[in-house]
Amino acid sequence: MEALSEFMKIDLKEFDLHKAGKIRNILKQDGVIIYPTETIYGLGSNCFSHKAIRRIFDIKSRSKSKALAVVISDLDMLKKIVREGRLPSYFEKLSQNFWPGPLTLILNAASHLPADLLGPGGTIAVRQPGLDWLRSLIAFCGFPLISTSSNLSGKKSILNAKQAFEVFQGKVDLVIDGGKVPGILPSTIVDLTLPDPKIVRKGIIPPKKIIPYLKK
């Protein structure tokens, strides 16, 4: 897909089946989209598309040593992308208290995921987003979406679709306009693959709210 980027306005309070179908078709053809989340505008694609993943790294001028996160619709979808077996003991407490929402959890990844998507040691960063429309879209698509900030590496995050369109025109296939997003801070990231779980990025959920759930 090398055509000029499309622009689509959506109502975040209403799931439009026709527009969702168009988005899914783009994603199934290795497309890259920009879409609103509860924090910033995200850059995403089908997480199983090797071609789309490579495009995202190129679009952002991002080092391939920096793993990409994904967003899921529900726990059933999560089970399809993490390593078989029991989830870390801290997972249930954190997910029950902070999902859906801006908390990203690093887990051991399933072996069938694209290698370019994974972090050190075969890990995957996962979040269940707080926006109803986004979870509905992901469920409708049937696969997790890559979720990384829609900015060039080292630049500020983008908070509105018009700016995203200006920056990424011709580089992405679709920009979804859901209005201005808060953009205060990105999601907080907690690594649950370590012997002792660790907050690896301080984000919109402050550490003082997370730490009580990391105690044995």
Protein backbone atom coordinates (compact mmCIF):
# COMPACT_ATOMS: atom_id res chain seq x y z
CA MET A 1 0.00 0.00 0.00
CA GLU A 2 1.77 3.10 -1.25
CA ALA A 3 -1.22 5.35 -2.02
CA LEU A 4 -1.91 8.59 -0.20
CA SER A 5 -3.19 8.16 3.34
CA GLU A 6 -6.95 8.04 3.89
CA PHE A 7 -8.64 10.05 6.64
CA MET A 8 -11.64 8.73 8.60
CA LYS A 9 -13.68 10.47 11.27
CA ILE A 10 -15.28 8.25 13.91
CA ASP A 11 -17.53 8.69 16.93
CA LEU A 12 -15.80 7.10 19.93
CA LYS A 13 -19.18 6.58 21.59
CA GLU A 14 -20.58 4.49 18.76
CA PHE A 15 -19.12 1.43 17.03
CA ASP A 16 -19.72 1.83 13.29
CA LEU A 17 -19.72 -1.62 11.70
CA HIS A 18 -19.20 -0.28 8.18
CA LYS A 19 -16.15 1.79 9.16
CA ALA A 20 -14.81 -1.07 11.28
CA GLY A 21 -15.03 -3.34 8.24
CA LYS A 22 -12.96 -0.91 6.20
CA ILE A 23 -10.34 -0.67 8.95
CA ARG A 24 -10.14 -4.45 9.22
CA ASN A 25 -9.67 -4.83 5.46
CA ILE A 26 -6.76 -2.38 5.55
CA LEU A 27 -5.15 -4.20 8.47
CA LYS A 28 -5.56 -7.58 6.78
CA GLN A 29 -3.63 -6.24 3.76
CA ASP A 30 -0.53 -5.39 5.84
CA GLY A 31 -1.80 -1.84 6.32
CA VAL A 32 -0.62 0.62 8.96
CA ILE A 33 -3.08 2.93 10.71
CA ILE A 34 -3.04 5.77 13.22
CA TYR A 35 -5.80 5.64 15.81
CA PRO A 36 -6.84 7.34 19.08
CA THR A 37 -6.27 5.69 22.45
CA GLU A 38 -7.10 6.95 25.94
CA THR A 39 -3.65 8.55 26.21
CA ILE A 40 -2.20 9.44 22.78
CA TYR A 41 -2.64 8.65 19.09
CA GLY A 42 -1.19 5.24 18.36
CA LEU A 43 0.48 3.77 15.29
CA GLY A 44 -0.66 0.23 14.67
CA SER A 45 -1.18 -2.81 12.47
CA ASN A 46 -2.06 -6.48 12.60
CA CYS A 47 0.46 -7.88 15.08
CA PHE A 48 0.90 -11.03 12.95
CA SER A 49 1.93 -9.12 9.81
CA HIS A 50 5.72 -9.23 9.34
CA LYS A 51 5.48 -6.66 6.55
CA ALA A 52 3.44 -4.20 8.61
CA ILE A 53 5.78 -4.51 11.59
CA ARG A 54 8.77 -3.67 9.39
CA ARG A 55 6.85 -0.71 7.99
CA ILE A 56 6.19 0.65 11.49
CA PHE A 57 9.87 0.49 12.40
CA ASP A 58 10.73 2.31 9.17
CA ILE A 59 7.96 4.93 9.58
CA LYS A 60 9.07 5.80 13.11
CA SER A 61 12.80 5.49 12.37
CA ARG A 62 12.74 3.25 15.42
CA SER A 63 15.55 0.93 16.44
CA LYS A 64 14.58 -2.72 16.02
CA SER A 65 16.08 -3.34 19.46
CA LYS A 66 13.05 -1.56 20.93
CA ALA A 67 10.12 -3.95 21.14
CA LEU A 68 6.57 -3.00 20.11
CA ALA A 69 3.52 -3.36 22.36
CA VAL A 70 0.11 -4.75 21.40
CA VAL A 71 -3.45 -4.06 22.53
CA ILE A 72 -6.04 -6.81 23.00
CA SER A 73 -9.81 -6.99 23.28
CA ASP A 74 -10.05 -9.48 26.15
CA LEU A 75 -8.30 -12.24 28.11
CA ASP A 76 -9.21 -14.91 25.55
CA MET A 77 -7.19 -13.01 22.96
CA LEU A 78 -4.34 -12.65 25.46
CA LYS A 79 -4.09 -16.42 25.85
CA LYS A 80 -3.39 -16.74 22.12
CA ILE A 81 -0.26 -14.58 22.23
CA VAL A 82 1.42 -15.53 25.52
CA ARG A 83 3.40 -18.65 26.36
CA GLU A 84 1.29 -21.64 27.34
CA GLY A 85 1.03 -22.29 31.03
CA ARG A 86 0.14 -20.30 34.08
CA LEU A 87 0.35 -16.51 33.92
CA PRO A 88 2.56 -14.83 36.55
CA SER A 89 0.97 -14.68 39.99
CA TYR A 90 0.90 -10.88 39.89
CA PHE A 91 -0.97 -10.78 36.60
CA GLU A 92 -4.44 -11.45 38.01
CA LYS A 93 -4.20 -8.71 40.64
CA LEU A 94 -2.88 -6.12 38.21
CA SER A 95 -5.27 -6.93 35.37
CA GLN A 96 -8.29 -7.00 37.66
CA ASN A 97 -7.46 -3.58 39.08
CA PHE A 98 -6.06 -1.73 36.07
CA TRP A 99 -7.53 -3.32 32.93
CA PRO A 100 -9.09 -2.03 30.80
CA GLY A 101 -6.79 0.96 31.12
CA PRO A 102 -3.33 2.46 30.57
CA LEU A 103 -1.25 -0.32 32.12
CA THR A 104 1.06 -2.35 29.87
CA LEU A 105 2.26 -5.72 31.17
CA ILE A 106 5.33 -7.54 29.82
CA LEU A 107 4.74 -11.30 29.59
CA ASN A 108 6.43 -14.31 27.99
CA ALA A 109 5.35 -14.50 24.36
CA ALA A 110 3.95 -17.41 22.38
CA SER A 111 6.46 -18.92 19.96
CA HIS A 112 4.37 -18.19 16.83
CA LEU A 113 4.58 -14.40 17.13
CA PRO A 114 6.84 -12.49 14.69
CA ALA A 115 10.35 -12.16 16.12
CA ASP A 116 10.50 -8.44 15.25
CA LEU A 117 7.61 -7.83 17.63
CA LEU A 118 9.28 -9.32 20.69
CA GLY A 119 11.46 -7.96 23.46
CA PRO A 120 14.55 -9.58 25.00
CA GLY A 121 14.10 -13.23 25.89
CA GLY A 122 10.96 -13.59 23.80
CA THR A 123 8.64 -11.26 25.69
CA ILE A 124 5.56 -9.33 24.61
CA ALA A 125 4.17 -6.07 26.02
CA VAL A 126 0.36 -6.21 26.24
CA ARG A 127 -2.43 -3.84 27.21
CA GLN A 128 -6.22 -3.96 27.27
CA PRO A 129 -7.19 -0.41 26.25
CA GLY A 130 -9.72 1.66 28.14
CA LEU A 131 -11.70 2.86 25.12
CA ASP A 132 -14.77 0.72 24.38
CA TRP A 133 -14.64 1.40 20.63
CA LEU A 134 -11.02 0.24 20.40
CA ARG A 135 -11.67 -3.03 22.24
CA SER A 136 -14.68 -3.59 19.97
CA LEU A 137 -12.57 -2.93 16.88
CA ILE A 138 -9.87 -5.36 18.02
CA ALA A 139 -12.48 -8.05 18.74
CA PHE A 140 -14.07 -7.42 15.33
CA CYS A 141 -10.69 -7.76 13.61
CA GLY A 142 -9.91 -10.97 15.48
CA PHE A 143 -6.26 -10.16 16.18
CA PRO A 144 -4.30 -7.84 18.49
CA LEU A 145 -3.14 -4.49 17.16
CA ILE A 146 0.35 -3.13 17.49
CA SER A 147 0.27 -0.04 19.69
CA THR A 148 3.16 2.38 19.62
CA SER A 149 3.11 6.16 19.87
CA SER A 150 2.45 7.91 16.55
CA ASN A 151 5.56 10.01 16.51
CA LEU A 152 9.00 9.89 14.99
CA SER A 153 11.54 8.48 17.45
CA GLY A 154 12.68 11.20 19.83
CA LYS A 155 9.80 13.54 18.97
CA LYS A 156 6.75 14.45 21.05
CA SER A 157 3.64 12.25 20.91
CA ILE A 158 0.81 13.36 18.65
CA LEU A 159 -2.50 14.31 20.29
CA ASN A 160 -4.79 14.99 17.33
CA ALA A 161 -5.50 13.36 13.99
CA LYS A 162 -4.87 16.46 11.88
CA GLN A 163 -1.28 16.66 13.11
CA ALA A 164 -0.84 12.91 12.59
CA PHE A 165 -2.09 13.26 9.02
CA GLU A 166 0.35 16.08 8.32
CA VAL A 167 3.31 14.16 9.73
CA PHE A 168 2.53 10.73 8.25
CA GLN A 169 0.74 11.55 4.99
CA GLY A 170 1.71 8.93 2.42
CA LYS A 171 3.52 6.79 4.99
CA VAL A 172 0.47 5.17 6.62
CA ASP A 173 -2.69 3.86 4.99
CA LEU A 174 -5.31 5.37 7.28
CA VAL A 175 -5.58 8.07 9.94
CA ILE A 176 -8.60 7.66 12.23
CA ASP A 177 -9.87 10.90 13.73
CA GLY A 178 -11.49 10.44 17.13
CA GLY A 179 -10.90 13.98 18.34
CA LYS A 180 -8.20 15.30 20.62
CA VAL A 181 -6.83 12.86 23.22
CA PRO A 182 -5.57 13.77 26.73
CA GLY A 183 -1.92 13.02 26.05
CA ILE A 184 -0.78 13.61 29.61
CA LEU A 185 1.46 10.55 29.88
CA PRO A 186 1.75 7.19 28.11
CA SER A 187 0.80 3.91 29.76
CA THR A 188 2.73 2.62 32.76
CA ILE A 189 4.75 -0.52 31.97
CA VAL A 190 5.39 -3.38 34.40
CA ASP A 191 7.65 -6.33 33.57
CA LEU A 192 6.17 -9.55 34.97
CA THR A 193 8.81 -11.86 33.44
CA LEU A 194 11.43 -11.02 36.06
CA PRO A 195 11.83 -12.95 39.35
CA ASP A 196 10.60 -9.77 41.03
CA PRO A 197 8.19 -7.69 38.91
CA LYS A 198 9.46 -4.22 38.07
CA ILE A 199 8.00 -0.93 36.84
CA VAL A 200 10.08 -0.24 33.73
CA ARG A 201 8.28 2.91 32.61
CA LYS A 202 6.50 5.43 34.78
CA GLY A 203 3.36 6.53 33.01
CA ILE A 204 -0.13 7.82 33.66
CA ILE A 205 -0.71 5.34 36.53
CA PRO A 206 1.69 6.47 39.28
CA PRO A 207 4.02 3.90 40.91
CA LYS A 208 2.36 4.40 44.30
CA LYS A 209 -0.82 2.83 42.90
CA ILE A 210 1.03 -0.11 41.32
CA ILE A 211 3.54 -1.02 44.05
CA PRO A 212 0.99 -2.46 46.54
CA TYR A 213 0.07 -5.10 43.95
CA LEU A 214 3.71 -6.12 43.44
CA LYS A 215 4.23 -7.26 46.98
CA LYS A 216 4.30 -10.97 47.76
